[in-house]
């Protein structure tokens, strides 16, 4: 599963921009709840991040904790 985030801006032609995880408009608690509901227990891969690895890990841990 590729993990990425998007900041909506309807004034832009593409409707917004991809941003670092947890900086956008993705409802992560809902995503995690849905993944739990369907029993997903596979890999997660952060896509396109320029953040240091420890910060990526911190943000992904928050997402997995439902925050």
N, C-alpha and C. Protein backbone atom coordinates (compact mmCIF):
# COMPACT_ATOMS: atom_id res chain seq x y z
N UNK A 1 0.85 -1.16 0.00
CA UNK A 1 0.00 0.00 0.00
C UNK A 1 0.90 1.23 0.00
N UNK A 2 0.70 2.11 -0.94
CA UNK A 2 1.48 3.35 -1.01
C UNK A 2 0.81 4.40 -0.14
N UNK A 3 1.57 5.00 0.74
CA UNK A 3 1.06 6.02 1.65
C UNK A 3 1.52 7.37 1.12
N UNK A 4 0.56 8.24 0.82
CA UNK A 4 0.88 9.60 0.37
C UNK A 4 -0.26 10.50 0.81
N UNK A 5 -0.05 11.80 0.72
CA UNK A 5 -1.05 12.75 1.18
C UNK A 5 -1.25 13.82 0.11
N UNK A 6 -2.38 14.50 0.18
CA UNK A 6 -2.74 15.50 -0.83
C UNK A 6 -3.43 16.66 -0.13
N UNK A 7 -3.02 17.86 -0.47
CA UNK A 7 -3.64 19.08 0.05
C UNK A 7 -4.56 19.64 -1.03
N UNK A 8 -5.85 19.67 -0.75
CA UNK A 8 -6.83 20.13 -1.73
C UNK A 8 -6.78 21.64 -1.89
N UNK A 9 -6.76 22.09 -3.13
CA UNK A 9 -6.86 23.51 -3.48
C UNK A 9 -7.62 23.57 -4.79
N UNK A 10 -8.90 23.79 -4.70
CA UNK A 10 -9.76 23.74 -5.88
C UNK A 10 -9.46 24.84 -6.89
N UNK A 11 -8.67 25.84 -6.49
CA UNK A 11 -8.30 26.92 -7.41
C UNK A 11 -7.20 26.48 -8.38
N UNK A 12 -6.53 25.38 -8.07
CA UNK A 12 -5.45 24.89 -8.93
C UNK A 12 -6.03 23.93 -9.98
N UNK A 13 -5.43 23.89 -11.16
CA UNK A 13 -5.95 23.01 -12.22
C UNK A 13 -6.03 21.54 -11.81
N UNK A 14 -5.06 21.05 -11.05
CA UNK A 14 -5.07 19.64 -10.64
C UNK A 14 -5.83 19.44 -9.32
N UNK A 15 -6.36 20.52 -8.76
CA UNK A 15 -7.14 20.40 -7.55
C UNK A 15 -6.33 20.44 -6.27
N UNK A 16 -5.02 20.63 -6.38
CA UNK A 16 -4.16 20.70 -5.21
C UNK A 16 -2.79 20.12 -5.48
N UNK A 17 -2.11 19.76 -4.40
CA UNK A 17 -0.74 19.26 -4.51
C UNK A 17 -0.52 18.10 -3.57
N UNK A 18 0.36 17.19 -3.98
CA UNK A 18 0.82 16.15 -3.07
C UNK A 18 1.75 16.80 -2.05
N UNK A 19 1.61 16.40 -0.79
CA UNK A 19 2.41 16.94 0.31
C UNK A 19 2.92 15.78 1.16
N UNK A 20 3.74 16.10 2.15
CA UNK A 20 4.24 15.07 3.05
C UNK A 20 3.08 14.46 3.83
N UNK A 21 3.22 13.19 4.21
CA UNK A 21 2.15 12.54 4.95
C UNK A 21 1.86 13.31 6.24
N UNK A 22 0.57 13.42 6.54
CA UNK A 22 0.01 14.14 7.68
C UNK A 22 0.02 15.65 7.49
N UNK A 23 0.45 16.17 6.33
CA UNK A 23 0.39 17.60 6.04
C UNK A 23 -0.79 17.93 5.11
N UNK A 24 -1.50 16.93 4.68
CA UNK A 24 -2.57 17.14 3.71
C UNK A 24 -3.95 16.92 4.30
N UNK A 25 -4.86 16.58 3.43
CA UNK A 25 -6.27 16.45 3.79
C UNK A 25 -6.77 15.02 3.91
N UNK A 26 -5.88 14.04 3.82
CA UNK A 26 -6.31 12.64 3.97
C UNK A 26 -6.76 12.42 5.41
N UNK A 27 -7.90 11.77 5.57
CA UNK A 27 -8.44 11.45 6.88
C UNK A 27 -7.81 10.13 7.33
N UNK A 28 -6.63 10.22 7.93
CA UNK A 28 -5.88 9.01 8.28
C UNK A 28 -6.60 8.11 9.27
N UNK A 29 -7.26 8.63 10.31
CA UNK A 29 -7.98 7.72 11.20
C UNK A 29 -9.01 6.88 10.45
N UNK A 30 -9.70 7.48 9.49
CA UNK A 30 -10.68 6.73 8.70
C UNK A 30 -10.00 5.68 7.82
N UNK A 31 -8.86 6.04 7.23
CA UNK A 31 -8.12 5.09 6.38
C UNK A 31 -7.69 3.89 7.21
N UNK A 32 -7.11 4.14 8.38
CA UNK A 32 -6.63 3.04 9.24
C UNK A 32 -7.81 2.19 9.71
N UNK A 33 -8.91 2.83 10.06
CA UNK A 33 -10.10 2.09 10.48
C UNK A 33 -10.59 1.17 9.36
N UNK A 34 -10.58 1.67 8.15
CA UNK A 34 -11.02 0.86 7.01
C UNK A 34 -10.06 -0.29 6.74
N UNK A 35 -8.75 -0.02 6.81
CA UNK A 35 -7.77 -1.09 6.62
C UNK A 35 -7.94 -2.17 7.68
N UNK A 36 -8.18 -1.75 8.92
CA UNK A 36 -8.43 -2.73 10.00
C UNK A 36 -9.70 -3.53 9.72
N UNK A 37 -10.73 -2.86 9.25
CA UNK A 37 -12.01 -3.51 8.98
C UNK A 37 -11.88 -4.61 7.93
N UNK A 38 -11.06 -4.36 6.91
CA UNK A 38 -10.90 -5.38 5.85
C UNK A 38 -9.79 -6.37 6.17
N UNK A 39 -9.10 -6.18 7.30
CA UNK A 39 -8.08 -7.12 7.71
C UNK A 39 -6.74 -6.97 7.00
N UNK A 40 -6.46 -5.78 6.46
CA UNK A 40 -5.19 -5.57 5.76
C UNK A 40 -4.05 -5.60 6.77
N UNK A 41 -3.03 -6.42 6.50
CA UNK A 41 -1.86 -6.46 7.37
C UNK A 41 -0.57 -6.55 6.55
N UNK A 42 -0.62 -5.95 5.36
CA UNK A 42 0.54 -5.98 4.48
C UNK A 42 1.45 -4.78 4.67
N UNK A 43 2.32 -4.60 3.71
CA UNK A 43 3.31 -3.53 3.74
C UNK A 43 2.68 -2.17 3.49
N UNK A 44 3.31 -1.14 4.07
CA UNK A 44 3.00 0.25 3.78
C UNK A 44 4.30 0.90 3.29
N UNK A 45 4.23 1.64 2.21
CA UNK A 45 5.39 2.31 1.65
C UNK A 45 5.09 3.79 1.51
N UNK A 46 5.88 4.64 2.16
CA UNK A 46 5.70 6.08 2.02
C UNK A 46 6.19 6.48 0.65
N UNK A 47 5.34 7.17 -0.09
CA UNK A 47 5.66 7.52 -1.48
C UNK A 47 6.09 8.98 -1.58
N UNK A 48 7.24 9.20 -2.20
CA UNK A 48 7.68 10.54 -2.58
C UNK A 48 8.03 11.47 -1.46
N UNK A 49 8.57 10.98 -0.37
CA UNK A 49 8.88 11.85 0.76
C UNK A 49 10.30 12.39 0.69
N UNK A 50 10.43 13.67 1.02
CA UNK A 50 11.75 14.29 1.12
C UNK A 50 12.16 14.45 2.57
N UNK A 51 11.33 13.92 3.48
CA UNK A 51 11.64 14.03 4.90
C UNK A 51 12.72 13.03 5.30
N UNK A 52 13.47 13.36 6.37
CA UNK A 52 14.42 12.37 6.89
C UNK A 52 13.68 11.10 7.32
N UNK A 53 14.37 9.99 7.27
CA UNK A 53 13.76 8.69 7.56
C UNK A 53 13.13 8.65 8.95
N UNK A 54 13.78 9.25 9.96
CA UNK A 54 13.20 9.21 11.31
C UNK A 54 11.89 10.00 11.38
N UNK A 55 11.78 11.10 10.65
CA UNK A 55 10.54 11.87 10.63
C UNK A 55 9.45 11.11 9.86
N UNK A 56 9.82 10.46 8.79
CA UNK A 56 8.85 9.62 8.08
C UNK A 56 8.29 8.56 9.02
N UNK A 57 9.18 7.91 9.75
CA UNK A 57 8.77 6.87 10.68
C UNK A 57 7.88 7.41 11.78
N UNK A 58 8.20 8.59 12.31
CA UNK A 58 7.39 9.20 13.36
C UNK A 58 5.98 9.48 12.85
N UNK A 59 5.89 10.03 11.64
CA UNK A 59 4.59 10.36 11.07
C UNK A 59 3.78 9.09 10.76
N UNK A 60 4.46 8.08 10.24
CA UNK A 60 3.76 6.82 9.95
C UNK A 60 3.28 6.17 11.25
N UNK A 61 4.08 6.23 12.30
CA UNK A 61 3.65 5.69 13.60
C UNK A 61 2.38 6.39 14.08
N UNK A 62 2.30 7.71 13.90
CA UNK A 62 1.10 8.45 14.30
C UNK A 62 -0.12 8.01 13.48
N UNK A 63 0.10 7.82 12.20
CA UNK A 63 -0.99 7.35 11.33
C UNK A 63 -1.47 5.98 11.79
N UNK A 64 -0.54 5.08 12.04
CA UNK A 64 -0.92 3.72 12.46
C UNK A 64 -1.60 3.71 13.82
N UNK A 65 -1.30 4.72 14.64
CA UNK A 65 -1.95 4.85 15.94
C UNK A 65 -3.33 5.48 15.83
N UNK A 66 -3.73 5.80 14.60
CA UNK A 66 -5.05 6.38 14.38
C UNK A 66 -5.13 7.87 14.63
N UNK A 67 -3.99 8.54 14.53
CA UNK A 67 -3.95 10.00 14.78
C UNK A 67 -3.70 10.78 13.51
